[in-house]
């Protein structure tokens, strides 16, 4: 009987000790990946002074951190360069509190809540991976001029292979010289013989569109023949001679389609000058 009373006494004392001991809430360890633009501010706000400590890893020389006395209600991180930071925050408060992650854009004055937490009391170990990226371009910051036009032409010209540029440069110079002499000869012949009216400016514009169109047709035919020829040479060498040739690729579909589209526009322009404005000169049969 005495043994039973002793066992009961031990159990009662143990139960009372357990009831008297404080109960701690489980600690949360969330992680967040936050993407920001350079110049934006990463803000952690709390409605209570729950931010006990902050650890930031990354290029701190390029960052600006809030200089607060802890515990604090907020923390701020910003940078004007492309950086990646890891922010570890320990939040703790005995009463319920709410914390939120906010992205602030000082240039527009806007603030966006990324996420928020409600903690009934206790600790919150929050890890944030903050990635600051360059903001998208909103257009040229300098007025357009000849330098901008030259830069655009250089970039556009880079889309064509070098041999295509040489081909059309040679054809353009040749057709321009021949076309100039042809138009000049035709105009002088008409003035001397007198049986046909001389060429006016509209007639000359029409004839120059004819020269440009023939230049494009000639370049298109030559470039297409060169590309097809290279393909045939490679196929014959590989399947008939069983030789793999390592040739410089001359195939460029962009130049083919571009010249075809440009030639179509020139042809339509020439037809419009003839049918709408009647600028085609009268020619001898």
C-alpha atoms as a PDB file:
ATOM      1  CA  UNK A   1       0.000   0.000   0.000  1.00  0.00           C
ATOM      2  CA  UNK A   2       2.813   2.365   0.868  1.00  0.00           C
ATOM      3  CA  UNK A   3       4.513   1.531  -2.442  1.00  0.00           C
ATOM      4  CA  UNK A   4       1.366   2.449  -4.394  1.00  0.00           C
ATOM      5  CA  UNK A   5       1.059   5.734  -2.538  1.00  0.00           C
ATOM      6  CA  UNK A   6       4.717   6.496  -3.313  1.00  0.00           C
ATOM      7  CA  UNK A   7       4.281   5.737  -7.024  1.00  0.00           C
ATOM      8  CA  UNK A   8       1.184   7.938  -7.180  1.00  0.00           C
ATOM      9  CA  UNK A   9       3.047  10.745  -5.470  1.00  0.00           C
ATOM     10  CA  UNK A  10       5.897  10.527  -7.994  1.00  0.00           C
ATOM     11  CA  UNK A  11       3.464  10.575 -10.927  1.00  0.00           C
ATOM     12  CA  UNK A  12       1.616  13.597  -9.497  1.00  0.00           C
ATOM     13  CA  UNK A  13       4.868  15.506  -8.973  1.00  0.00           C
ATOM     14  CA  UNK A  14       5.990  14.686 -12.559  1.00  0.00           C
ATOM     15  CA  UNK A  15       2.657  15.817 -13.998  1.00  0.00           C
ATOM     16  CA  UNK A  16       2.779  19.068 -12.057  1.00  0.00           C
ATOM     17  CA  UNK A  17       6.324  19.711 -13.275  1.00  0.00           C
ATOM     18  CA  UNK A  18       5.266  19.168 -16.855  1.00  0.00           C
ATOM     19  CA  UNK A  19       2.307  21.490 -16.491  1.00  0.00           C
ATOM     20  CA  UNK A  20       4.442  24.164 -14.875  1.00  0.00           C
ATOM     21  CA  UNK A  21       7.141  24.066 -17.606  1.00  0.00           C
ATOM     22  CA  UNK A  22       6.740  26.695 -20.382  1.00  0.00           C
ATOM     23  CA  UNK A  23       5.501  25.535 -23.795  1.00  0.00           C
ATOM     24  CA  UNK A  24       7.449  26.912 -26.773  1.00  0.00           C
ATOM     25  CA  UNK A  25       5.909  27.169 -30.199  1.00  0.00           C
ATOM     26  CA  UNK A  26       7.554  25.490 -33.145  1.00  0.00           C
ATOM     27  CA  UNK A  27       9.973  27.720 -35.076  1.00  0.00           C
ATOM     28  CA  UNK A  28       9.154  28.380 -38.757  1.00  0.00           C
ATOM     29  CA  UNK A  29      11.970  28.496 -41.347  1.00  0.00           C
ATOM     30  CA  UNK A  30      10.428  29.822 -44.591  1.00  0.00           C
ATOM     31  CA  UNK A  31      12.533  30.732 -47.618  1.00  0.00           C
ATOM     32  CA  UNK A  32      11.594  33.239 -50.332  1.00  0.00           C
ATOM     33  CA  UNK A  33      13.090  34.020 -53.751  1.00  0.00           C
ATOM     34  CA  UNK A  34      12.514  37.688 -54.541  1.00  0.00           C
ATOM     35  CA  UNK A  35      13.392  39.273 -57.913  1.00  0.00           C
ATOM     36  CA  UNK A  36      13.923  43.021 -57.978  1.00  0.00           C
ATOM     37  CA  UNK A  37      15.221  45.658 -60.377  1.00  0.00           C
ATOM     38  CA  UNK A  38      18.308  47.676 -59.553  1.00  0.00           C
ATOM     39  CA  UNK A  39      17.288  50.676 -57.496  1.00  0.00           C
ATOM     40  CA  UNK A  40      14.330  48.880 -55.910  1.00  0.00           C
ATOM     41  CA  UNK A  41      14.128  48.468 -52.142  1.00  0.00           C
ATOM     42  CA  UNK A  42      13.593  45.188 -50.348  1.00  0.00           C
ATOM     43  CA  UNK A  43      11.642  45.989 -47.184  1.00  0.00           C
ATOM     44  CA  UNK A  44      10.706  43.671 -44.326  1.00  0.00           C
ATOM     45  CA  UNK A  45       8.010  45.257 -42.191  1.00  0.00           C
ATOM     46  CA  UNK A  46       6.518  44.072 -38.903  1.00  0.00           C
ATOM     47  CA  UNK A  47       3.761  45.553 -36.780  1.00  0.00           C
ATOM     48  CA  UNK A  48       5.808  44.751 -33.663  1.00  0.00           C
ATOM     49  CA  UNK A  49       9.523  45.184 -32.861  1.00  0.00           C
ATOM     50  CA  UNK A  50      10.050  41.534 -33.722  1.00  0.00           C
ATOM     51  CA  UNK A  51      13.211  41.724 -35.902  1.00  0.00           C
ATOM     52  CA  UNK A  52      15.886  40.585 -33.487  1.00  0.00           C
ATOM     53  CA  UNK A  53      18.861  40.084 -35.825  1.00  0.00           C
ATOM     54  CA  UNK A  54      19.765  40.318 -39.538  1.00  0.00           C
ATOM     55  CA  UNK A  55      22.571  38.600 -41.460  1.00  0.00           C
ATOM     56  CA  UNK A  56      23.241  39.694 -45.072  1.00  0.00           C
ATOM     57  CA  UNK A  57      25.563  37.827 -47.422  1.00  0.00           C
ATOM     58  CA  UNK A  58      26.746  39.275 -50.739  1.00  0.00           C
ATOM     59  CA  UNK A  59      28.590  42.290 -52.114  1.00  0.00           C
ATOM     60  CA  UNK A  60      27.969  44.656 -49.212  1.00  0.00           C
ATOM     61  CA  UNK A  61      30.039  47.465 -50.737  1.00  0.00           C
ATOM     62  CA  UNK A  62      27.381  47.859 -53.448  1.00  0.00           C
ATOM     63  CA  UNK A  63      24.452  47.653 -51.034  1.00  0.00           C
ATOM     64  CA  UNK A  64      22.694  50.138 -48.803  1.00  0.00           C
ATOM     65  CA  UNK A  65      21.294  48.706 -45.556  1.00  0.00           C
ATOM     66  CA  UNK A  66      18.985  50.307 -43.036  1.00  0.00           C
ATOM     67  CA  UNK A  67      20.832  51.358 -39.884  1.00  0.00           C
ATOM     68  CA  UNK A  68      18.375  50.338 -37.200  1.00  0.00           C
ATOM     69  CA  UNK A  69      18.703  49.486 -33.543  1.00  0.00           C
ATOM     70  CA  UNK A  70      17.473  45.961 -32.916  1.00  0.00           C
ATOM     71  CA  UNK A  71      14.918  44.735 -32.079  1.00  0.00           C
ATOM     72  CA  UNK A  72      13.264  46.720 -34.859  1.00  0.00           C
ATOM     73  CA  UNK A  73      10.040  46.887 -36.820  1.00  0.00           C
ATOM     74  CA  UNK A  74      11.613  47.054 -40.303  1.00  0.00           C
ATOM     75  CA  UNK A  75      14.693  46.337 -42.400  1.00  0.00           C
ATOM     76  CA  UNK A  76      15.627  47.735 -45.841  1.00  0.00           C
ATOM     77  CA  UNK A  77      18.099  46.547 -48.500  1.00  0.00           C
ATOM     78  CA  UNK A  78      18.805  48.206 -51.861  1.00  0.00           C
ATOM     79  CA  UNK A  79      21.510  48.375 -54.551  1.00  0.00           C
ATOM     80  CA  UNK A  80      22.034  50.157 -57.868  1.00  0.00           C
ATOM     81  CA  UNK A  81      23.919  47.291 -59.551  1.00  0.00           C
ATOM     82  CA  UNK A  82      23.177  43.709 -60.507  1.00  0.00           C
ATOM     83  CA  UNK A  83      23.697  41.695 -57.325  1.00  0.00           C
ATOM     84  CA  UNK A  84      22.523  38.601 -55.456  1.00  0.00           C
ATOM     85  CA  UNK A  85      22.045  38.716 -51.691  1.00  0.00           C
ATOM     86  CA  UNK A  86      21.031  36.210 -49.033  1.00  0.00           C
ATOM     87  CA  UNK A  87      19.221  37.799 -46.092  1.00  0.00           C
ATOM     88  CA  UNK A  88      18.660  35.777 -42.888  1.00  0.00           C
ATOM     89  CA  UNK A  89      16.295  37.368 -40.361  1.00  0.00           C
ATOM     90  CA  UNK A  90      15.379  36.192 -36.890  1.00  0.00           C
ATOM     91  CA  UNK A  91      11.984  37.484 -35.795  1.00  0.00           C
ATOM     92  CA  UNK A  92      10.680  36.838 -32.323  1.00  0.00           C
ATOM     93  CA  UNK A  93       7.928  38.281 -30.128  1.00  0.00           C
ATOM     94  CA  UNK A  94       5.873  36.925 -27.282  1.00  0.00           C
ATOM     95  CA  UNK A  95       2.526  38.251 -28.544  1.00  0.00           C
ATOM     96  CA  UNK A  96       1.028  37.713 -32.018  1.00  0.00           C
ATOM     97  CA  UNK A  97       2.644  39.753 -34.803  1.00  0.00           C
ATOM     98  CA  UNK A  98       2.498  40.160 -38.599  1.00  0.00           C
ATOM     99  CA  UNK A  99       5.465  40.532 -40.924  1.00  0.00           C
ATOM    100  CA  UNK A 100       5.508  41.236 -44.658  1.00  0.00           C
ATOM    101  CA  UNK A 101       7.982  41.435 -47.525  1.00  0.00           C
ATOM    102  CA  UNK A 102       7.518  44.565 -49.638  1.00  0.00           C
ATOM    103  CA  UNK A 103       9.169  45.633 -52.924  1.00  0.00           C
ATOM    104  CA  UNK A 104       9.409  49.421 -53.249  1.00  0.00           C
ATOM    105  CA  UNK A 105      10.147  51.286 -56.486  1.00  0.00           C
ATOM    106  CA  UNK A 106      11.413  54.799 -55.601  1.00  0.00           C
ATOM    107  CA  UNK A 107      11.254  55.985 -59.225  1.00  0.00           C
ATOM    108  CA  UNK A 108       7.475  55.497 -59.425  1.00  0.00           C
ATOM    109  CA  UNK A 109       6.702  55.596 -55.720  1.00  0.00           C
ATOM    110  CA  UNK A 110       4.901  52.260 -55.872  1.00  0.00           C
ATOM    111  CA  UNK A 111       5.025  49.497 -53.274  1.00  0.00           C
ATOM    112  CA  UNK A 112       4.137  45.855 -53.884  1.00  0.00           C
ATOM    113  CA  UNK A 113       3.585  43.294 -51.160  1.00  0.00           C
ATOM    114  CA  UNK A 114       5.421  40.106 -52.051  1.00  0.00           C
ATOM    115  CA  UNK A 115       4.095  37.969 -49.161  1.00  0.00           C
ATOM    116  CA  UNK A 116       3.227  38.241 -45.480  1.00  0.00           C
ATOM    117  CA  UNK A 117       3.292  36.078 -42.333  1.00  0.00           C
ATOM    118  CA  UNK A 118       1.122  35.933 -39.246  1.00  0.00           C
ATOM    119  CA  UNK A 119       2.829  34.462 -36.186  1.00  0.00           C
ATOM    120  CA  UNK A 120       0.789  33.797 -33.066  1.00  0.00           C
ATOM    121  CA  UNK A 121       3.923  34.249 -30.982  1.00  0.00           C
ATOM    122  CA  UNK A 122       7.444  32.925 -30.910  1.00  0.00           C
ATOM    123  CA  UNK A 123      10.253  32.753 -33.433  1.00  0.00           C
ATOM    124  CA  UNK A 124      10.341  33.068 -37.217  1.00  0.00           C
ATOM    125  CA  UNK A 125      13.593  32.329 -39.066  1.00  0.00           C
ATOM    126  CA  UNK A 126      13.112  33.954 -42.481  1.00  0.00           C
ATOM    127  CA  UNK A 127      15.589  33.523 -45.360  1.00  0.00           C
ATOM    128  CA  UNK A 128      15.280  35.731 -48.457  1.00  0.00           C
ATOM    129  CA  UNK A 129      17.255  35.231 -51.686  1.00  0.00           C
ATOM    130  CA  UNK A 130      17.134  38.701 -53.245  1.00  0.00           C
ATOM    131  CA  UNK A 131      18.162  38.954 -56.919  1.00  0.00           C
ATOM    132  CA  UNK A 132      18.631  42.497 -58.250  1.00  0.00           C
ATOM    133  CA  UNK A 133      18.509  42.575 -62.067  1.00  0.00           C
ATOM    134  CA  UNK A 134      18.906  45.403 -64.556  1.00  0.00           C
ATOM    135  CA  UNK A 135      15.666  47.200 -65.319  1.00  0.00           C
ATOM    136  CA  UNK A 136      14.287  46.809 -68.875  1.00  0.00           C
ATOM    137  CA  UNK A 137      15.114  49.604 -71.282  1.00  0.00           C
ATOM    138  CA  UNK A 138      12.378  52.160 -71.838  1.00  0.00           C
ATOM    139  CA  UNK A 139      13.813  53.529 -75.069  1.00  0.00           C
ATOM    140  CA  UNK A 140      16.726  55.724 -76.121  1.00  0.00           C
ATOM    141  CA  UNK A 141      17.817  58.247 -73.533  1.00  0.00           C
ATOM    142  CA  UNK A 142      19.485  60.498 -76.094  1.00  0.00           C
ATOM    143  CA  UNK A 143      17.827  62.279 -79.023  1.00  0.00           C
ATOM    144  CA  UNK A 144      18.014  60.569 -82.376  1.00  0.00           C
ATOM    145  CA  UNK A 145      20.578  61.883 -84.826  1.00  0.00           C
ATOM    146  CA  UNK A 146      23.037  60.826 -87.493  1.00  0.00           C
ATOM    147  CA  UNK A 147      25.001  58.765 -84.976  1.00  0.00           C
ATOM    148  CA  UNK A 148      21.876  56.767 -84.080  1.00  0.00           C
ATOM    149  CA  UNK A 149      20.999  56.318 -87.749  1.00  0.00           C
ATOM    150  CA  UNK A 150      24.533  55.154 -88.541  1.00  0.00           C
ATOM    151  CA  UNK A 151      24.390  52.688 -85.639  1.00  0.00           C
ATOM    152  CA  UNK A 152      21.080  51.303 -86.883  1.00  0.00           C
ATOM    153  CA  UNK A 153      22.443  50.886 -90.414  1.00  0.00           C
ATOM    154  CA  UNK A 154      25.524  49.097 -89.057  1.00  0.00           C
ATOM    155  CA  UNK A 155      23.425  46.683 -87.023  1.00  0.00           C
ATOM    156  CA  UNK A 156      21.089  46.021 -89.953  1.00  0.00           C
ATOM    157  CA  UNK A 157      23.999  45.443 -92.304  1.00  0.00           C
ATOM    158  CA  UNK A 158      25.432  42.894 -89.885  1.00  0.00           C
ATOM    159  CA  UNK A 159      22.475  40.608 -90.646  1.00  0.00           C
ATOM    160  CA  UNK A 160      23.825  39.931 -94.156  1.00  0.00           C
ATOM    161  CA  UNK A 161      26.824  37.699 -94.971  1.00  0.00           C
ATOM    162  CA  UNK A 162      29.947  39.421 -96.228  1.00  0.00           C
ATOM    163  CA  UNK A 163      29.733  37.862 -99.702  1.00  0.00           C
ATOM    164  CA  UNK A 164      26.158  39.111-100.117  1.00  0.00           C
ATOM    165  CA  UNK A 165      27.308  42.657 -99.313  1.00  0.00           C
ATOM    166  CA  UNK A 166      30.140  42.416-101.868  1.00  0.00           C
ATOM    167  CA  UNK A 167      27.802  40.957-104.501  1.00  0.00           C
ATOM    168  CA  UNK A 168      25.202  43.709-104.227  1.00  0.00           C
ATOM    169  CA  UNK A 169      27.838  46.422-103.891  1.00  0.00           C
ATOM    170  CA  UNK A 170      29.416  45.350-107.186  1.00  0.00           C
ATOM    171  CA  UNK A 171      26.065  44.874-108.923  1.00  0.00           C
ATOM    172  CA  UNK A 172      24.762  48.177-107.558  1.00  0.00           C
ATOM    173  CA  UNK A 173      27.789  50.123-108.791  1.00  0.00           C
ATOM    174  CA  UNK A 174      27.681  48.426-112.199  1.00  0.00           C
ATOM    175  CA  UNK A 175      23.944  48.875-112.760  1.00  0.00           C
ATOM    176  CA  UNK A 176      24.065  52.459-111.441  1.00  0.00           C
ATOM    177  CA  UNK A 177      26.815  53.363-113.927  1.00  0.00           C
ATOM    178  CA  UNK A 178      25.127  51.604-116.844  1.00  0.00           C
ATOM    179  CA  UNK A 179      21.713  53.006-115.902  1.00  0.00           C
ATOM    180  CA  UNK A 180      23.044  56.552-115.651  1.00  0.00           C
ATOM    181  CA  UNK A 181      24.649  56.318-119.080  1.00  0.00           C
ATOM    182  CA  UNK A 182      21.533  54.708-120.548  1.00  0.00           C
ATOM    183  CA  UNK A 183      19.172  57.370-119.202  1.00  0.00           C
ATOM    184  CA  UNK A 184      21.515  60.178-120.250  1.00  0.00           C
ATOM    185  CA  UNK A 185      21.934  58.722-123.755  1.00  0.00           C
ATOM    186  CA  UNK A 186      18.185  58.215-124.159  1.00  0.00           C
ATOM    187  CA  UNK A 187      17.466  61.798-123.095  1.00  0.00           C
ATOM    188  CA  UNK A 188      20.086  63.320-125.409  1.00  0.00           C
ATOM    189  CA  UNK A 189      18.950  61.166-128.349  1.00  0.00           C
ATOM    190  CA  UNK A 190      15.385  62.330-127.922  1.00  0.00           C
ATOM    191  CA  UNK A 191      16.456  65.966-127.790  1.00  0.00           C
ATOM    192  CA  UNK A 192      18.564  65.656-130.926  1.00  0.00           C
ATOM    193  CA  UNK A 193      16.211  63.576-133.060  1.00  0.00           C
ATOM    194  CA  UNK A 194      13.049  65.308-131.867  1.00  0.00           C
ATOM    195  CA  UNK A 195      10.619  62.557-132.831  1.00  0.00           C
ATOM    196  CA  UNK A 196      10.072  61.647-129.154  1.00  0.00           C
ATOM    197  CA  UNK A 197       9.596  64.057-126.229  1.00  0.00           C
ATOM    198  CA  UNK A 198      12.644  64.428-123.929  1.00  0.00           C
ATOM    199  CA  UNK A 199      12.637  62.792-120.550  1.00  0.00           C
ATOM    200  CA  UNK A 200      11.263  64.826-117.668  1.00  0.00           C
ATOM    201  CA  UNK A 201      11.931  64.177-113.973  1.00  0.00           C
ATOM    202  CA  UNK A 202       9.004  61.783-113.646  1.00  0.00           C
ATOM    203  CA  UNK A 203      10.241  59.723-116.595  1.00  0.00           C
ATOM    204  CA  UNK A 204      13.725  59.563-115.095  1.00  0.00           C
ATOM    205  CA  UNK A 205      12.334  58.412-111.718  1.00  0.00           C
ATOM    206  CA  UNK A 206      10.458  55.621-113.493  1.00  0.00           C
ATOM    207  CA  UNK A 207      13.581  54.539-115.397  1.00  0.00           C
ATOM    208  CA  UNK A 208      15.643  54.517-112.183  1.00  0.00           C
ATOM    209  CA  UNK A 209      13.077  52.218-110.545  1.00  0.00           C
ATOM    210  CA  UNK A 210      13.593  49.963-113.562  1.00  0.00           C
ATOM    211  CA  UNK A 211      17.359  49.998-112.943  1.00  0.00           C
ATOM    212  CA  UNK A 212      16.911  49.191-109.227  1.00  0.00           C
ATOM    213  CA  UNK A 213      14.487  46.377-110.005  1.00  0.00           C
ATOM    214  CA  UNK A 214      16.868  44.788-112.508  1.00  0.00           C
ATOM    215  CA  UNK A 215      19.719  45.076-109.986  1.00  0.00           C
ATOM    216  CA  UNK A 216      17.700  43.219-107.371  1.00  0.00           C
ATOM    217  CA  UNK A 217      16.604  40.546-109.844  1.00  0.00           C
ATOM    218  CA  UNK A 218      20.190  39.971-110.956  1.00  0.00           C
ATOM    219  CA  UNK A 219      21.469  39.785-107.374  1.00  0.00           C
ATOM    220  CA  UNK A 220      18.644  37.457-106.357  1.00  0.00           C
ATOM    221  CA  UNK A 221      19.346  35.107-109.272  1.00  0.00           C
ATOM    222  CA  UNK A 222      23.115  35.037-108.682  1.00  0.00           C
ATOM    223  CA  UNK A 223      22.872  34.529-104.902  1.00  0.00           C
ATOM    224  CA  UNK A 224      20.252  31.795-105.284  1.00  0.00           C
ATOM    225  CA  UNK A 225      22.389  30.040-107.902  1.00  0.00           C
ATOM    226  CA  UNK A 226      25.443  30.190-105.620  1.00  0.00           C
ATOM    227  CA  UNK A 227      23.523  28.738-102.677  1.00  0.00           C
ATOM    228  CA  UNK A 228      21.986  25.948-104.739  1.00  0.00           C
ATOM    229  CA  UNK A 229      25.395  25.223-106.268  1.00  0.00           C
ATOM    230  CA  UNK A 230      26.996  24.828-102.860  1.00  0.00           C
ATOM    231  CA  UNK A 231      24.243  22.452-101.747  1.00  0.00           C
ATOM    232  CA  UNK A 232      24.685  20.349-104.898  1.00  0.00           C
ATOM    233  CA  UNK A 233      28.463  20.195-104.429  1.00  0.00           C
ATOM    234  CA  UNK A 234      28.058  19.028-100.837  1.00  0.00           C
ATOM    235  CA  UNK A 235      25.463  16.412-101.784  1.00  0.00           C
ATOM    236  CA  UNK A 236      27.547  15.034-104.661  1.00  0.00           C
ATOM    237  CA  UNK A 237      30.666  14.894-102.517  1.00  0.00           C
ATOM    238  CA  UNK A 238      28.886  13.166 -99.641  1.00  0.00           C
ATOM    239  CA  UNK A 239      26.672  10.650-101.452  1.00  0.00           C
ATOM    240  CA  UNK A 240      28.643   9.946-104.639  1.00  0.00           C
ATOM    241  CA  UNK A 241      32.261  10.510-103.659  1.00  0.00           C
ATOM    242  CA  UNK A 242      31.791   9.688 -99.937  1.00  0.00           C
ATOM    243  CA  UNK A 243      33.732  12.783 -98.945  1.00  0.00           C
ATOM    244  CA  UNK A 244      32.647  15.259 -96.293  1.00  0.00           C
ATOM    245  CA  UNK A 245      33.638  18.743 -97.417  1.00  0.00           C
ATOM    246  CA  UNK A 246      34.066  21.452 -94.813  1.00  0.00           C
ATOM    247  CA  UNK A 247      33.081  24.537 -96.802  1.00  0.00           C
ATOM    248  CA  UNK A 248      32.127  27.982 -95.601  1.00  0.00           C
ATOM    249  CA  UNK A 249      28.346  28.086 -95.544  1.00  0.00           C
ATOM    250  CA  UNK A 250      27.003  30.477 -98.175  1.00  0.00           C
ATOM    251  CA  UNK A 251      23.356  29.732 -97.480  1.00  0.00           C
ATOM    252  CA  UNK A 252      21.438  32.687 -96.080  1.00  0.00           C
ATOM    253  CA  UNK A 253      17.648  32.587 -96.261  1.00  0.00           C
ATOM    254  CA  UNK A 254      17.252  36.036 -94.703  1.00  0.00           C
ATOM    255  CA  UNK A 255      18.967  37.768 -97.622  1.00  0.00           C
ATOM    256  CA  UNK A 256      16.902  35.750-100.130  1.00  0.00           C
ATOM    257  CA  UNK A 257      13.575  36.675 -98.543  1.00  0.00           C
ATOM    258  CA  UNK A 258      14.644  40.276 -97.918  1.00  0.00           C
ATOM    259  CA  UNK A 259      15.665  40.853-101.537  1.00  0.00           C
ATOM    260  CA  UNK A 260      12.475  39.141-102.755  1.00  0.00           C
ATOM    261  CA  UNK A 261      10.348  41.413-100.556  1.00  0.00           C
ATOM    262  CA  UNK A 262      12.306  44.522-101.546  1.00  0.00           C
ATOM    263  CA  UNK A 263      12.092  43.592-105.225  1.00  0.00           C
ATOM    264  CA  UNK A 264       8.323  43.164-104.901  1.00  0.00           C
ATOM    265  CA  UNK A 265       8.008  46.643-103.374  1.00  0.00           C
ATOM    266  CA  UNK A 266      10.108  48.196-106.148  1.00  0.00           C
ATOM    267  CA  UNK A 267       8.061  46.383-108.798  1.00  0.00           C
ATOM    268  CA  UNK A 268       4.795  47.618-107.298  1.00  0.00           C
ATOM    269  CA  UNK A 269       6.224  51.143-107.129  1.00  0.00           C
ATOM    270  CA  UNK A 270       7.188  50.989-110.786  1.00  0.00           C
ATOM    271  CA  UNK A 271       3.720  49.747-111.746  1.00  0.00           C
ATOM    272  CA  UNK A 272       2.139  52.535-109.695  1.00  0.00           C
ATOM    273  CA  UNK A 273       4.270  55.177-111.434  1.00  0.00           C
ATOM    274  CA  UNK A 274       3.176  53.785-114.778  1.00  0.00           C
ATOM    275  CA  UNK A 275      -0.523  53.143-114.202  1.00  0.00           C
ATOM    276  CA  UNK A 276      -1.421  55.905-111.736  1.00  0.00           C
ATOM    277  CA  UNK A 277       0.933  58.771-112.659  1.00  0.00           C
ATOM    278  CA  UNK A 278       1.640  57.728-116.272  1.00  0.00           C
ATOM    279  CA  UNK A 279       5.377  58.372-115.894  1.00  0.00           C
ATOM    280  CA  UNK A 280       6.562  55.638-118.236  1.00  0.00           C
ATOM    281  CA  UNK A 281       8.219  57.361-121.199  1.00  0.00           C
ATOM    282  CA  UNK A 282       7.096  56.621-124.717  1.00  0.00           C
ATOM    283  CA  UNK A 283       9.554  54.170-126.229  1.00  0.00           C
ATOM    284  CA  UNK A 284      10.204  53.233-129.813  1.00  0.00           C
ATOM    285  CA  UNK A 285       8.861  49.919-131.031  1.00  0.00           C
END
